Amino acid sequence: TGVVGNSLALTGETKGIEASVESPNGTGASLRSPP
């Protein structure tokens, strides 16, 4: 696995992985995969 994100809190609005970008032409997350 290339990237792993874990959120271990049992309450609240938790996220395993969060991505953000400020550029107006940017992408928050880009996911590519082989066939």
Full PDB file with SEQRES, HELIX, SHEET, SSBOND, CRYST1, ORIGX, SCALE, CONECT and MASTER records, all heavy atoms in Angstrom:
SEQRES   1 A   35  THR GLY VAL VAL GLY ASN SER LEU ALA LEU THR GLY GLU          
SEQRES   2 A   35  THR LYS GLY ILE GLU ALA SER VAL GLU SER PRO ASN GLY          
SEQRES   3 A   35  THR GLY ALA SER LEU ARG SER PRO PRO                          
CRYST1    1.000    1.000    1.000  90.00  90.00  90.00 P 1           1          
ORIGX1      1.000000  0.000000  0.000000        0.00000                         
ORIGX2      0.000000  1.000000  0.000000        0.00000                         
ORIGX3      0.000000  0.000000  1.000000        0.00000                         
SCALE1      1.000000  0.000000  0.000000        0.00000                         
SCALE2      0.000000  1.000000  0.000000        0.00000                         
SCALE3      0.000000  0.000000  1.000000        0.00000                         
ATOM      1  N   THR A   1       0.849  -1.188   0.000  1.00  0.00           N  
ATOM      2  CA  THR A   1       0.000   0.000   0.000  1.00  0.00           C  
ATOM      3  C   THR A   1       0.883   1.235   0.000  1.00  0.00           C  
ATOM      4  O   THR A   1       1.820   1.334   0.810  1.00  0.00           O  
ATOM      5  CB  THR A   1      -0.913   0.013   1.240  1.00  0.00           C  
ATOM      6  OG1 THR A   1      -1.718  -1.176   1.230  1.00  0.00           O  
ATOM      7  CG2 THR A   1      -1.823   1.239   1.222  1.00  0.00           C  
ATOM      8  N   GLY A   2       0.596   2.170  -0.893  1.00  0.00           N  
ATOM      9  CA  GLY A   2       1.412   3.372  -0.991  1.00  0.00           C  
ATOM     10  C   GLY A   2       1.160   4.354   0.131  1.00  0.00           C  
ATOM     11  O   GLY A   2       2.093   4.894   0.715  1.00  0.00           O  
ATOM     12  N   VAL A   3      -0.099   4.623   0.453  1.00  0.00           N  
ATOM     13  CA  VAL A   3      -0.448   5.594   1.492  1.00  0.00           C  
ATOM     14  C   VAL A   3      -1.503   4.982   2.398  1.00  0.00           C  
ATOM     15  O   VAL A   3      -2.474   4.397   1.926  1.00  0.00           O  
ATOM     16  CB  VAL A   3      -0.996   6.910   0.882  1.00  0.00           C  
ATOM     17  CG1 VAL A   3      -1.457   7.850   1.984  1.00  0.00           C  
ATOM     18  CG2 VAL A   3       0.062   7.583   0.026  1.00  0.00           C  
ATOM     19  N   VAL A   4      -1.330   5.136   3.709  1.00  0.00           N  
ATOM     20  CA  VAL A   4      -2.306   4.652   4.681  1.00  0.00           C  
ATOM     21  C   VAL A   4      -2.641   5.797   5.631  1.00  0.00           C  
ATOM     22  O   VAL A   4      -1.744   6.508   6.102  1.00  0.00           O  
ATOM     23  CB  VAL A   4      -1.766   3.459   5.492  1.00  0.00           C  
ATOM     24  CG1 VAL A   4      -2.759   3.067   6.586  1.00  0.00           C  
ATOM     25  CG2 VAL A   4      -1.499   2.272   4.585  1.00  0.00           C  
ATOM     26  N   GLY A   5      -3.919   6.003   5.901  1.00  0.00           N  
ATOM     27  CA  GLY A   5      -4.325   7.005   6.878  1.00  0.00           C  
ATOM     28  C   GLY A   5      -5.323   6.404   7.837  1.00  0.00           C  
ATOM     29  O   GLY A   5      -6.296   5.776   7.419  1.00  0.00           O  
ATOM     30  N   ASN A   6      -5.079   6.560   9.132  1.00  0.00           N  
ATOM     31  CA  ASN A   6      -5.969   6.011  10.154  1.00  0.00           C  
ATOM     32  C   ASN A   6      -6.426   7.111  11.095  1.00  0.00           C  
ATOM     33  O   ASN A   6      -5.634   7.962  11.503  1.00  0.00           O  
ATOM     34  CB  ASN A   6      -5.253   4.920  10.974  1.00  0.00           C  
ATOM     35  CG  ASN A   6      -4.889   3.721  10.141  1.00  0.00           C  
ATOM     36  OD1 ASN A   6      -5.734   3.185   9.424  1.00  0.00           O  
ATOM     37  ND2 ASN A   6      -3.636   3.295  10.203  1.00  0.00           N  
ATOM     38  N   SER A   7      -7.704   7.105  11.425  1.00  0.00           N  
ATOM     39  CA  SER A   7      -8.226   7.992  12.453  1.00  0.00           C  
ATOM     40  C   SER A   7      -8.771   7.108  13.565  1.00  0.00           C  
ATOM     41  O   SER A   7      -9.735   6.366  13.346  1.00  0.00           O  
ATOM     42  CB  SER A   7      -9.326   8.890  11.874  1.00  0.00           C  
ATOM     43  OG  SER A   7      -9.845   9.728  12.871  1.00  0.00           O  
ATOM     44  N   LEU A   8      -8.171   7.160  14.729  1.00  0.00           N  
ATOM     45  CA  LEU A   8      -8.455   6.183  15.780  1.00  0.00           C  
ATOM     46  C   LEU A   8      -9.432   6.680  16.838  1.00  0.00           C  
ATOM     47  O   LEU A   8      -9.805   5.921  17.729  1.00  0.00           O  
ATOM     48  CB  LEU A   8      -7.142   5.767  16.455  1.00  0.00           C  
ATOM     49  CG  LEU A   8      -6.086   5.186  15.488  1.00  0.00           C  
ATOM     50  CD1 LEU A   8      -4.826   4.813  16.248  1.00  0.00           C  
ATOM     51  CD2 LEU A   8      -6.646   3.994  14.741  1.00  0.00           C  
ATOM     52  N   ALA A   9      -9.849   7.956  16.760  1.00  0.00           N  
ATOM     53  CA  ALA A   9     -10.813   8.465  17.737  1.00  0.00           C  
ATOM     54  C   ALA A   9     -12.162   7.790  17.547  1.00  0.00           C  
ATOM     55  O   ALA A   9     -12.588   7.525  16.419  1.00  0.00           O  
ATOM     56  CB  ALA A   9     -10.956   9.975  17.587  1.00  0.00           C  
ATOM     57  N   LEU A  10     -12.844   7.503  18.632  1.00  0.00           N  
ATOM     58  CA  LEU A  10     -14.125   6.796  18.572  1.00  0.00           C  
ATOM     59  C   LEU A  10     -15.307   7.740  18.477  1.00  0.00           C  
ATOM     60  O   LEU A  10     -16.442   7.301  18.311  1.00  0.00           O  
ATOM     61  CB  LEU A  10     -14.280   5.898  19.802  1.00  0.00           C  
ATOM     62  CG  LEU A  10     -13.196   4.815  19.957  1.00  0.00           C  
ATOM     63  CD1 LEU A  10     -13.461   3.995  21.209  1.00  0.00           C  
ATOM     64  CD2 LEU A  10     -13.150   3.925  18.720  1.00  0.00           C  
ATOM     65  N   THR A  11     -15.093   9.051  18.587  1.00  0.00           N  
ATOM     66  CA  THR A  11     -16.176  10.022  18.468  1.00  0.00           C  
ATOM     67  C   THR A  11     -15.704  11.179  17.596  1.00  0.00           C  
ATOM     68  O   THR A  11     -14.519  11.296  17.272  1.00  0.00           O  
ATOM     69  CB  THR A  11     -16.599  10.566  19.847  1.00  0.00           C  
ATOM     70  OG1 THR A  11     -15.477  11.202  20.459  1.00  0.00           O  
ATOM     71  CG2 THR A  11     -17.108   9.442  20.744  1.00  0.00           C  
ATOM     72  N   GLY A  12     -16.651  12.040  17.234  1.00  0.00           N  
ATOM     73  CA  GLY A  12     -16.302  13.216  16.434  1.00  0.00           C  
ATOM     74  C   GLY A  12     -16.351  12.941  14.946  1.00  0.00           C  
ATOM     75  O   GLY A  12     -16.535  11.807  14.505  1.00  0.00           O  
ATOM     76  N   GLU A  13     -16.178  14.001  14.156  1.00  0.00           N  
ATOM     77  CA  GLU A  13     -16.196  13.880  12.698  1.00  0.00           C  
ATOM     78  C   GLU A  13     -14.779  13.601  12.210  1.00  0.00           C  
ATOM     79  O   GLU A  13     -14.066  14.480  11.731  1.00  0.00           O  
ATOM     80  CB  GLU A  13     -16.750  15.164  12.060  1.00  0.00           C  
ATOM     81  CG  GLU A  13     -18.194  15.430  12.418  1.00  0.00           C  
ATOM     82  CD  GLU A  13     -18.742  16.630  11.659  1.00  0.00           C  
ATOM     83  OE1 GLU A  13     -18.325  16.876  10.515  1.00  0.00           O  
ATOM     84  OE2 GLU A  13     -19.590  17.323  12.229  1.00  0.00           O  
ATOM     85  N   THR A  14     -14.350  12.374  12.326  1.00  0.00           N  
ATOM     86  CA  THR A  14     -12.988  12.008  11.979  1.00  0.00           C  
ATOM     87  C   THR A  14     -12.876  11.625  10.508  1.00  0.00           C  
ATOM     88  O   THR A  14     -13.855  11.265   9.865  1.00  0.00           O  
ATOM     89  CB  THR A  14     -12.510  10.838  12.861  1.00  0.00           C  
ATOM     90  OG1 THR A  14     -13.339   9.697  12.569  1.00  0.00           O  
ATOM     91  CG2 THR A  14     -12.656  11.192  14.334  1.00  0.00           C  
ATOM     92  N   LYS A  15     -11.658  11.699   9.991  1.00  0.00           N  
ATOM     93  CA  LYS A  15     -11.387  11.346   8.594  1.00  0.00           C  
ATOM     94  C   LYS A  15     -10.107  10.524   8.541  1.00  0.00           C  
ATOM     95  O   LYS A  15      -9.113  10.879   9.180  1.00  0.00           O  
ATOM     96  CB  LYS A  15     -11.238  12.604   7.729  1.00  0.00           C  
ATOM     97  CG  LYS A  15     -12.457  13.508   7.715  1.00  0.00           C  
ATOM     98  CD  LYS A  15     -12.204  14.756   6.881  1.00  0.00           C  
ATOM     99  CE  LYS A  15     -13.440  15.647   6.827  1.00  0.00           C  
ATOM    100  NZ  LYS A  15     -13.783  16.202   8.155  1.00  0.00           N  
ATOM    101  N   GLY A  16     -10.124   9.457   7.776  1.00  0.00           N  
ATOM    102  CA  GLY A  16      -8.922   8.656   7.600  1.00  0.00           C  
ATOM    103  C   GLY A  16      -7.878   9.400   6.794  1.00  0.00           C  
ATOM    104  O   GLY A  16      -6.699   9.431   7.154  1.00  0.00           O  
ATOM    105  N   ILE A  17      -8.277  10.010   5.696  1.00  0.00           N  
ATOM    106  CA  ILE A  17      -7.387  10.804   4.851  1.00  0.00           C  
ATOM    107  C   ILE A  17      -8.153  12.032   4.394  1.00  0.00           C  
ATOM    108  O   ILE A  17      -9.293  11.934   3.960  1.00  0.00           O  
ATOM    109  CB  ILE A  17      -6.902  10.005   3.619  1.00  0.00           C  
ATOM    110  CG1 ILE A  17      -6.050   8.808   4.053  1.00  0.00           C  
ATOM    111  CG2 ILE A  17      -6.095  10.895   2.680  1.00  0.00           C  
ATOM    112  CD1 ILE A  17      -5.599   7.931   2.898  1.00  0.00           C  
ATOM    113  N   GLU A  18      -7.519  13.193   4.476  1.00  0.00           N  
ATOM    114  CA  GLU A  18      -8.132  14.426   3.993  1.00  0.00           C  
ATOM    115  C   GLU A  18      -7.125  15.147   3.110  1.00  0.00           C  
ATOM    116  O   GLU A  18      -5.941  15.216   3.424  1.00  0.00           O  
ATOM    117  CB  GLU A  18      -8.539  15.328   5.156  1.00  0.00           C  
ATOM    118  CG  GLU A  18      -9.211  16.621   4.703  1.00  0.00           C  
ATOM    119  CD  GLU A  18      -9.727  17.449   5.864  1.00  0.00           C  
ATOM    120  OE1 GLU A  18      -9.460  17.062   7.018  1.00  0.00           O  
ATOM    121  OE2 GLU A  18     -10.402  18.471   5.629  1.00  0.00           O  
ATOM    122  N   ALA A  19      -7.602  15.670   1.969  1.00  0.00           N  
ATOM    123  CA  ALA A  19      -6.728  16.392   1.052  1.00  0.00           C  
ATOM    124  C   ALA A  19      -7.388  17.707   0.683  1.00  0.00           C  
ATOM    125  O   ALA A  19      -8.596  17.777   0.484  1.00  0.00           O  
ATOM    126  CB  ALA A  19      -6.471  15.562  -0.205  1.00  0.00           C  
ATOM    127  N   SER A  20      -6.580  18.771   0.602  1.00  0.00           N  
ATOM    128  CA  SER A  20      -7.098  20.067   0.197  1.00  0.00           C  
ATOM    129  C   SER A  20      -6.075  20.751  -0.697  1.00  0.00           C  
ATOM    130  O   SER A  20      -4.893  20.398  -0.695  1.00  0.00           O  
ATOM    131  CB  SER A  20      -7.405  20.947   1.420  1.00  0.00           C  
ATOM    132  OG  SER A  20      -6.216  21.215   2.149  1.00  0.00           O  
ATOM    133  N   VAL A  21      -6.530  21.736  -1.464  1.00  0.00           N  
ATOM    134  CA  VAL A  21      -5.643  22.440  -2.377  1.00  0.00           C  
ATOM    135  C   VAL A  21      -6.130  23.875  -2.506  1.00  0.00           C  
ATOM    136  O   VAL A  21      -7.338  24.134  -2.462  1.00  0.00           O  
ATOM    137  CB  VAL A  21      -5.601  21.728  -3.753  1.00  0.00           C  
ATOM    138  CG1 VAL A  21      -6.963  21.766  -4.418  1.00  0.00           C  
ATOM    139  CG2 VAL A  21      -4.563  22.361  -4.672  1.00  0.00           C  
ATOM    140  N   GLU A  22      -5.219  24.822  -2.605  1.00  0.00           N  
ATOM    141  CA  GLU A  22      -5.578  26.233  -2.726  1.00  0.00           C  
ATOM    142  C   GLU A  22      -5.585  26.708  -4.179  1.00  0.00           C  
ATOM    143  O   GLU A  22      -6.245  27.679  -4.520  1.00  0.00           O  
ATOM    144  CB  GLU A  22      -4.597  27.097  -1.905  1.00  0.00           C  
ATOM    145  CG  GLU A  22      -4.609  26.821  -0.415  1.00  0.00           C  
ATOM    146  CD  GLU A  22      -5.946  27.173   0.219  1.00  0.00           C  
ATOM    147  OE1 GLU A  22      -6.643  28.078  -0.281  1.00  0.00           O  
ATOM    148  OE2 GLU A  22      -6.311  26.521   1.229  1.00  0.00           O  
ATOM    149  N   SER A  23      -4.843  26.061  -5.030  1.00  0.00           N  
ATOM    150  CA  SER A  23      -4.741  26.485  -6.425  1.00  0.00           C  
ATOM    151  C   SER A  23      -6.092  26.336  -7.128  1.00  0.00           C  
ATOM    152  O   SER A  23      -6.762  25.311  -6.973  1.00  0.00           O  
ATOM    153  CB  SER A  23      -3.703  25.640  -7.162  1.00  0.00           C  
ATOM    154  OG  SER A  23      -3.774  25.864  -8.564  1.00  0.00           O  
ATOM    155  N   PRO A  24      -6.525  27.351  -7.888  1.00  0.00           N  
ATOM    156  CA  PRO A  24      -7.809  27.230  -8.603  1.00  0.00           C  
ATOM    157  C   PRO A  24      -7.790  26.161  -9.680  1.00  0.00           C  
ATOM    158  O   PRO A  24      -8.843  25.712 -10.130  1.00  0.00           O  
ATOM    159  CB  PRO A  24      -8.007  28.626  -9.212  1.00  0.00           C  
ATOM    160  CG  PRO A  24      -6.631  29.196  -9.302  1.00  0.00           C  
ATOM    161  CD  PRO A  24      -5.876  28.656  -8.124  1.00  0.00           C  
ATOM    162  N   ASN A  25      -6.604  25.723 -10.084  1.00  0.00           N  
ATOM    163  CA  ASN A  25      -6.498  24.667 -11.090  1.00  0.00           C  
ATOM    164  C   ASN A  25      -6.018  23.352 -10.491  1.00  0.00           C  
ATOM    165  O   ASN A  25      -5.702  22.412 -11.227  1.00  0.00           O  
ATOM    166  CB  ASN A  25      -5.522  25.091 -12.200  1.00  0.00           C  
ATOM    167  CG  ASN A  25      -6.005  26.315 -12.953  1.00  0.00           C  
ATOM    168  OD1 ASN A  25      -7.177  26.419 -13.277  1.00  0.00           O  
ATOM    169  ND2 ASN A  25      -5.106  27.251 -13.205  1.00  0.00           N  
ATOM    170  N   GLY A  26      -5.964  23.288  -9.167  1.00  0.00           N  
ATOM    171  CA  GLY A  26      -5.441  22.101  -8.511  1.00  0.00           C  
ATOM    172  C   GLY A  26      -6.483  21.023  -8.326  1.00  0.00           C  
ATOM    173  O   GLY A  26      -7.673  21.191  -8.613  1.00  0.00           O  
ATOM    174  N   THR A  27      -6.034  19.879  -7.823  1.00  0.00           N  
ATOM    175  CA  THR A  27      -6.902  18.735  -7.557  1.00  0.00           C  
ATOM    176  C   THR A  27      -6.664  18.277  -6.132  1.00  0.00           C  
ATOM    177  O   THR A  27      -5.501  18.094  -5.728  1.00  0.00           O  
ATOM    178  CB  THR A  27      -6.592  17.577  -8.530  1.00  0.00           C  
ATOM    179  OG1 THR A  27      -6.799  18.031  -9.866  1.00  0.00           O  
ATOM    180  CG2 THR A  27      -7.501  16.390  -8.249  1.00  0.00           C  
ATOM    181  N   GLY A  28      -7.719  18.119  -5.365  1.00  0.00           N  
ATOM    182  CA  GLY A  28      -7.583  17.701  -3.975  1.00  0.00           C  
ATOM    183  C   GLY A  28      -6.953  16.332  -3.855  1.00  0.00           C  
ATOM    184  O   GLY A  28      -6.074  16.106  -3.031  1.00  0.00           O  
ATOM    185  N   ALA A  29      -7.377  15.417  -4.670  1.00  0.00           N  
ATOM    186  CA  ALA A  29      -6.801  14.073  -4.663  1.00  0.00           C  
ATOM    187  C   ALA A  29      -6.894  13.520  -6.072  1.00  0.00           C  
ATOM    188  O   ALA A  29      -7.947  13.590  -6.706  1.00  0.00           O  
ATOM    189  CB  ALA A  29      -7.531  13.165  -3.679  1.00  0.00           C  
ATOM    190  N   SER A  30      -5.804  12.974  -6.557  1.00  0.00           N  
ATOM    191  CA  SER A  30      -5.775  12.365  -7.884  1.00  0.00           C  
ATOM    192  C   SER A  30      -5.454  10.896  -7.720  1.00  0.00           C  
ATOM    193  O   SER A  30      -4.402  10.540  -7.184  1.00  0.00           O  
ATOM    194  CB  SER A  30      -4.719  13.050  -8.763  1.00  0.00           C  
ATOM    195  OG  SER A  30      -4.667  12.425 -10.034  1.00  0.00           O  
ATOM    196  N   LEU A  31      -6.387  10.029  -8.127  1.00  0.00           N  
ATOM    197  CA  LEU A  31      -6.228   8.589  -7.952  1.00  0.00           C  
ATOM    198  C   LEU A  31      -6.114   7.932  -9.316  1.00  0.00           C  
ATOM    199  O   LEU A  31      -7.002   8.079 -10.160  1.00  0.00           O  
ATOM    200  CB  LEU A  31      -7.419   8.012  -7.183  1.00  0.00           C  
ATOM    201  CG  LEU A  31      -7.710   8.648  -5.817  1.00  0.00           C  
ATOM    202  CD1 LEU A  31      -8.966   8.036  -5.216  1.00  0.00           C  
ATOM    203  CD2 LEU A  31      -6.531   8.464  -4.881  1.00  0.00           C  
ATOM    204  N   ARG A  32      -5.030   7.231  -9.525  1.00  0.00           N  
ATOM    205  CA  ARG A  32      -4.829   6.531 -10.787  1.00  0.00           C  
ATOM    206  C   ARG A  32      -4.586   5.063 -10.501  1.00  0.00           C  
ATOM    207  O   ARG A  32      -4.041   4.701  -9.461  1.00  0.00           O  
ATOM    208  CB  ARG A  32      -3.639   7.118 -11.557  1.00  0.00           C  
ATOM    209  CG  ARG A  32      -3.824   8.574 -11.938  1.00  0.00           C  
ATOM    210  CD  ARG A  32      -2.630   9.087 -12.707  1.00  0.00           C  
ATOM    211  NE  ARG A  32      -2.801  10.497 -13.044  1.00  0.00           N  
ATOM    212  CZ  ARG A  32      -1.902  11.222 -13.700  1.00  0.00           C  
ATOM    213  NH1 ARG A  32      -0.769  10.657 -14.099  1.00  0.00           N  
ATOM    214  NH2 ARG A  32      -2.127  12.496 -13.971  1.00  0.00           N  
ATOM    215  N   SER A  33      -4.976   4.237 -11.448  1.00  0.00           N  
ATOM    216  CA  SER A  33      -4.838   2.810 -11.237  1.00  0.00           C  
ATOM    217  C   SER A  33      -4.530   2.140 -12.557  1.00  0.00           C  
ATOM    218  O   SER A  33      -4.962   2.611 -13.618  1.00  0.00           O  
ATOM    219  CB  SER A  33      -6.133   2.240 -10.647  1.00  0.00           C  
ATOM    220  OG  SER A  33      -6.039   0.839 -10.496  1.00  0.00           O  
ATOM    221  N   PRO A  34      -3.798   1.036 -12.548  1.00  0.00           N  
ATOM    222  CA  PRO A  34      -3.544   0.273 -13.778  1.00  0.00           C  
ATOM    223  C   PRO A  34      -4.827  -0.390 -14.270  1.00  0.00           C  
ATOM    224  O   PRO A  34      -5.914  -0.139 -13.715  1.00  0.00           O  
ATOM    225  CB  PRO A  34      -2.494  -0.749 -13.329  1.00  0.00           C  
ATOM    226  CG  PRO A  34      -2.718  -0.900 -11.867  1.00  0.00           C  
ATOM    227  CD  PRO A  34      -3.135   0.458 -11.382  1.00  0.00           C  
ATOM    228  N   PRO A  35      -4.748  -1.262 -15.284  1.00  0.00           N  
ATOM    229  CA  PRO A  35      -5.967  -1.818 -15.895  1.00  0.00           C  
ATOM    230  C   PRO A  35      -6.970  -2.436 -14.940  1.00  0.00           C  
ATOM    231  O   PRO A  35      -8.132  -2.600 -15.276  1.00  0.00           O  
ATOM    232  CB  PRO A  35      -5.404  -2.872 -16.862  1.00  0.00           C  
ATOM    233  CG  PRO A  35      -4.067  -2.336 -17.251  1.00  0.00           C  
ATOM    234  CD  PRO A  35      -3.527  -1.665 -16.016  1.00  0.00           C  
TER     235      PRO A  35                                                      
MASTER        0    0    0    0    0    0    0    6  234    1    0    3          
END                                                                             
